[in-house]
C-alpha cells in the first residue's frame, strides 16, 4: 500500500508491505518510530493485513 509523503510525517513516499508480515523477538524490537500510517488509511491497512494473514477471501 503506497503512502504518499503528503499523507504522512515521513520525508519521502513510503510503502507498507502488508503481505510481508514478520515476527520480531523482544530483544530486537524497534525502539524508534520513523512515522505512522495516517488515521484516514488505517482501515485500508487493516483490510490488507487480514488478507495477508488469510483471514478473508481474495
Protein backbone atom coordinates (compact mmCIF):
# COMPACT_ATOMS: atom_id res chain seq x y z
CA UNK A 1 0.00 0.00 0.00
CA UNK A 2 1.51 3.30 -1.12
CA UNK A 3 1.59 6.16 1.38
CA UNK A 4 2.48 9.49 -0.26
CA UNK A 5 4.62 11.94 1.69
CA UNK A 6 1.69 14.39 1.68
CA UNK A 7 -0.25 11.93 3.90
CA UNK A 8 2.46 11.10 6.42
CA UNK A 9 5.17 12.64 8.60
CA UNK A 10 7.88 10.85 6.59
CA UNK A 11 10.29 12.70 4.30
CA UNK A 12 9.50 10.64 1.19
CA UNK A 13 6.79 8.43 -0.27
CA UNK A 14 6.56 5.09 1.51
CA UNK A 15 5.10 1.64 1.01
CA UNK A 16 3.52 -0.51 3.72
CA UNK A 17 4.18 -4.13 2.71
CA UNK A 18 1.16 -5.71 4.38
CA UNK A 19 1.82 -9.04 2.66
CA UNK A 20 5.28 -9.31 4.24
CA UNK A 21 4.42 -9.67 7.92
CA UNK A 22 7.32 -10.62 10.21
CA UNK A 23 7.64 -11.53 13.87
CA UNK A 24 10.39 -9.83 15.84
CA UNK A 25 11.98 -11.22 19.02
CA UNK A 26 11.54 -8.96 22.02
CA UNK A 27 15.28 -8.24 22.18
CA UNK A 28 15.21 -6.92 18.60
CA UNK A 29 12.13 -4.75 18.84
CA UNK A 30 12.10 -1.46 17.03
CA UNK A 31 12.51 1.31 19.59
CA UNK A 32 12.37 4.40 17.38
CA UNK A 33 9.42 5.15 15.14
CA UNK A 34 10.06 6.50 11.65
CA UNK A 35 6.44 7.50 11.17
CA UNK A 36 2.95 6.12 11.13
CA UNK A 37 0.05 5.36 8.85
CA UNK A 38 -2.40 8.26 8.73
CA UNK A 39 -5.61 7.66 10.68
CA UNK A 40 -7.58 8.03 7.44
CA UNK A 41 -5.79 4.95 6.00
CA UNK A 42 -5.91 2.55 8.98
CA UNK A 43 -8.98 0.68 7.72
CA UNK A 44 -7.20 0.07 4.43
CA UNK A 45 -4.15 -1.29 6.29
CA UNK A 46 -6.35 -3.49 8.50
CA UNK A 47 -8.03 -4.95 5.41
CA UNK A 48 -4.66 -5.62 3.74
CA UNK A 49 -3.35 -7.32 6.88
CA UNK A 50 -6.45 -9.53 7.17
CA UNK A 51 -5.97 -10.52 3.53
CA UNK A 52 -2.24 -11.18 4.04
CA UNK A 53 -2.98 -13.39 7.04
CA UNK A 54 -5.60 -15.36 5.10
CA UNK A 55 -8.44 -14.20 7.33
CA UNK A 56 -10.58 -13.07 4.36
CA UNK A 57 -11.11 -14.42 0.87
CA UNK A 58 -9.48 -12.62 -2.07
